């Protein structure tokens, strides 16, 4: 089993919106608008010190979805694709901490389906935490030796362009959450 660390310095090229699930309930006689104004910051991923972060699984799933999207064949292995190797053989363990506190995040109001499903019959205004710029280093643990440095880099670059992270990302028909790979240290 391999144990390579790939440290990728990533930088946003579009806004990033978070939408962490939460379980807050409306107060008695509270309107939807008042509820949104009160709770929208609960959609932010933050730690016990109110430091905002991007969850590690967003990068893992982004890369995994890119492998499925690209569907690149493994040389010398017939019709075998890299998809399963990215799914099972790559881990992202640590969140990317952002230099912003929960209370400093701005919100963007969007008219969305009330049930959260695309094409829903009724729509409401919701406020999504919006981070206009971010950058930082993400450590990917490559456990599968089939994934080479060039294959990984190609997939990560495509992930930033066509898949994205967060709400309204390209994979879901949006344009938020896109990023570029500024540098990559292999076997760091």
Protein backbone atom coordinates (compact mmCIF):
# COMPACT_ATOMS: atom_id res chain seq x y z
CA UNK A 1 0.00 0.00 0.00
CA UNK A 2 1.22 3.47 -0.90
CA UNK A 3 1.24 6.33 1.56
CA UNK A 4 2.02 9.41 -0.47
CA UNK A 5 1.07 12.89 0.63
CA UNK A 6 0.12 15.34 -2.08
CA UNK A 7 -0.08 18.90 -0.80
CA UNK A 8 -2.06 21.07 -3.18
CA UNK A 9 -2.15 24.83 -2.90
CA UNK A 10 -5.60 25.79 -4.13
CA UNK A 11 -7.12 29.19 -4.88
CA UNK A 12 -10.73 30.12 -5.58
CA UNK A 13 -11.76 31.45 -8.98
CA UNK A 14 -15.43 31.92 -8.05
CA UNK A 15 -17.35 32.52 -4.84
CA UNK A 16 -17.87 29.63 -2.45
CA UNK A 17 -21.18 29.16 -0.65
CA UNK A 18 -21.70 26.90 2.32
CA UNK A 19 -24.90 25.12 3.28
CA UNK A 20 -24.17 22.95 6.29
CA UNK A 21 -27.27 21.07 7.49
CA UNK A 22 -28.74 22.34 10.74
CA UNK A 23 -31.71 21.38 12.89
CA UNK A 24 -32.95 24.70 14.21
CA UNK A 25 -36.74 25.01 14.31
CA UNK A 26 -38.93 28.03 13.68
CA UNK A 27 -40.12 29.79 16.79
CA UNK A 28 -43.84 30.13 17.40
CA UNK A 29 -45.35 32.65 14.95
CA UNK A 30 -41.96 33.24 13.28
CA UNK A 31 -42.19 33.97 9.55
CA UNK A 32 -39.94 32.20 7.06
CA UNK A 33 -38.10 35.48 6.40
CA UNK A 34 -37.48 36.13 10.09
CA UNK A 35 -36.35 32.53 10.55
CA UNK A 36 -33.83 32.87 7.69
CA UNK A 37 -32.48 36.16 9.09
CA UNK A 38 -32.00 34.50 12.48
CA UNK A 39 -30.40 31.19 11.42
CA UNK A 40 -28.55 31.63 8.10
CA UNK A 41 -25.13 31.67 9.79
CA UNK A 42 -25.83 28.15 11.04
CA UNK A 43 -25.15 27.03 7.45
CA UNK A 44 -21.49 27.95 8.01
CA UNK A 45 -18.91 25.28 8.80
CA UNK A 46 -17.08 26.62 11.85
CA UNK A 47 -15.22 25.27 14.86
CA UNK A 48 -15.64 25.93 18.59
CA UNK A 49 -13.67 29.19 18.20
CA UNK A 50 -15.96 30.37 15.36
CA UNK A 51 -13.16 29.83 12.82
CA UNK A 52 -14.62 29.08 9.38
CA UNK A 53 -13.34 26.05 7.49
CA UNK A 54 -13.95 23.99 4.37
CA UNK A 55 -14.68 20.38 5.38
CA UNK A 56 -12.19 17.78 4.12
CA UNK A 57 -14.95 15.68 2.54
CA UNK A 58 -15.77 18.52 0.14
CA UNK A 59 -12.32 18.13 -1.43
CA UNK A 60 -12.48 14.32 -1.30
CA UNK A 61 -15.92 14.18 -2.95
CA UNK A 62 -14.94 16.84 -5.49
CA UNK A 63 -11.96 14.74 -6.60
CA UNK A 64 -13.99 11.52 -6.54
CA UNK A 65 -16.70 13.09 -8.72
CA UNK A 66 -14.05 14.40 -11.11
CA UNK A 67 -12.73 10.85 -11.55
CA UNK A 68 -16.22 9.67 -12.41
CA UNK A 69 -16.78 12.65 -14.75
CA UNK A 70 -13.48 12.25 -16.60
CA UNK A 71 -13.72 8.45 -16.70
CA UNK A 72 -10.03 8.15 -17.65
CA UNK A 73 -8.80 4.68 -18.60
CA UNK A 74 -5.82 3.16 -16.81
CA UNK A 75 -3.05 2.46 -19.36
CA UNK A 76 -2.46 -1.24 -19.89
CA UNK A 77 -5.56 -2.32 -17.96
CA UNK A 78 -8.12 -2.64 -20.75
CA UNK A 79 -11.34 -0.80 -19.96
CA UNK A 80 -10.48 -0.21 -16.27
CA UNK A 81 -10.96 3.37 -15.09
CA UNK A 82 -9.37 5.38 -12.28
CA UNK A 83 -12.75 6.09 -10.64
CA UNK A 84 -12.64 3.32 -8.01
CA UNK A 85 -9.01 4.13 -7.18
CA UNK A 86 -9.91 7.74 -6.39
CA UNK A 87 -12.96 6.69 -4.40
CA UNK A 88 -11.23 4.15 -2.15
CA UNK A 89 -7.57 5.11 -2.41
CA UNK A 90 -7.48 8.81 -1.57
CA UNK A 91 -8.22 10.50 1.76
CA UNK A 92 -8.47 14.09 2.90
CA UNK A 93 -8.36 14.19 6.68
CA UNK A 94 -7.88 17.82 7.63
CA UNK A 95 -10.22 20.73 7.01
CA UNK A 96 -8.95 23.85 5.25
CA UNK A 97 -9.14 26.61 7.86
CA UNK A 98 -10.01 29.98 6.41
CA UNK A 99 -8.84 33.30 7.88
CA UNK A 100 -12.37 34.41 8.68
CA UNK A 101 -14.63 34.23 11.70
CA UNK A 102 -18.25 33.07 11.55
CA UNK A 103 -19.58 36.55 12.36
CA UNK A 104 -17.59 38.12 9.49
CA UNK A 105 -19.05 35.93 6.73
CA UNK A 106 -21.42 37.71 4.37
CA UNK A 107 -24.69 36.21 3.20
CA UNK A 108 -26.27 36.09 -0.25
CA UNK A 109 -30.03 35.89 -0.60
CA UNK A 110 -31.20 33.44 -3.26
CA UNK A 111 -34.66 32.40 -4.51
CA UNK A 112 -34.58 28.60 -4.21
CA UNK A 113 -37.03 25.66 -4.11
CA UNK A 114 -38.59 25.47 -0.65
CA UNK A 115 -37.99 21.73 -0.36
CA UNK A 116 -34.37 21.98 -1.58
CA UNK A 117 -35.09 19.85 -4.67
CA UNK A 118 -34.32 21.14 -8.12
CA UNK A 119 -37.47 22.13 -10.01
CA UNK A 120 -39.60 22.27 -6.85
CA UNK A 121 -43.04 23.80 -7.24
CA UNK A 122 -42.69 26.49 -4.57
CA UNK A 123 -39.76 28.79 -3.98
CA UNK A 124 -38.54 30.85 -1.02
CA UNK A 125 -35.72 33.26 -0.25
CA UNK A 126 -32.81 31.70 1.64
CA UNK A 127 -29.55 33.22 2.71
CA UNK A 128 -26.34 31.30 2.02
CA UNK A 129 -22.99 32.09 3.68
CA UNK A 130 -20.76 33.38 0.89
CA UNK A 131 -16.97 33.53 0.88
CA UNK A 132 -15.77 35.63 -2.04
CA UNK A 133 -12.12 34.49 -2.02
CA UNK A 134 -10.24 31.67 -0.36
CA UNK A 135 -6.94 29.88 -0.74
CA UNK A 136 -4.84 27.41 1.15
CA UNK A 137 -3.10 24.07 1.16
CA UNK A 138 -5.00 20.80 1.24
CA UNK A 139 -3.24 17.51 2.02
CA UNK A 140 -4.42 14.50 0.04
CA UNK A 141 -3.29 11.05 1.23
CA UNK A 142 -2.73 8.79 -1.78
CA UNK A 143 -3.07 5.18 -0.61
CA UNK A 144 -3.44 3.59 -4.05
CA UNK A 145 -0.28 3.33 -6.14
CA UNK A 146 -2.27 3.24 -9.37
CA UNK A 147 -2.80 7.00 -8.96
CA UNK A 148 0.35 8.70 -10.24
CA UNK A 149 1.32 12.33 -9.73
CA UNK A 150 0.29 13.39 -13.25
CA UNK A 151 -3.01 11.50 -13.08
CA UNK A 152 -3.76 13.07 -9.69
CA UNK A 153 -2.89 16.57 -10.90
CA UNK A 154 -5.06 16.22 -14.01
CA UNK A 155 -8.02 15.05 -11.94
CA UNK A 156 -7.58 17.82 -9.34
CA UNK A 157 -7.39 20.50 -12.04
CA UNK A 158 -10.55 19.13 -13.68
CA UNK A 159 -12.24 18.92 -10.26
CA UNK A 160 -11.67 22.65 -9.74
CA UNK A 161 -13.00 23.52 -13.19
CA UNK A 162 -15.98 21.18 -13.67
CA UNK A 163 -17.01 19.86 -10.25
CA UNK A 164 -16.34 22.49 -7.57
CA UNK A 165 -17.18 22.59 -3.87
CA UNK A 166 -20.07 23.96 -1.80
CA UNK A 167 -23.52 25.08 -2.93
CA UNK A 168 -24.38 25.87 -6.53
CA UNK A 169 -21.20 24.22 -7.83
CA UNK A 170 -20.72 23.29 -11.51
CA UNK A 171 -21.45 19.60 -10.88
CA UNK A 172 -24.97 20.65 -9.87
CA UNK A 173 -25.48 23.13 -12.70
CA UNK A 174 -24.05 26.19 -10.95
CA UNK A 175 -20.84 28.18 -11.16
CA UNK A 176 -19.72 28.67 -7.54
CA UNK A 177 -16.96 26.79 -5.72
CA UNK A 178 -14.48 26.63 -8.60
CA UNK A 179 -10.73 26.68 -7.93
CA UNK A 180 -7.30 26.37 -9.53
CA UNK A 181 -4.26 24.37 -8.47
CA UNK A 182 -1.47 26.88 -7.83
CA UNK A 183 1.10 24.25 -6.90
CA UNK A 184 1.40 20.59 -6.02
CA UNK A 185 4.00 18.92 -3.81
CA UNK A 186 4.04 15.17 -4.38
CA UNK A 187 5.28 12.84 -1.64
CA UNK A 188 5.70 15.76 0.73
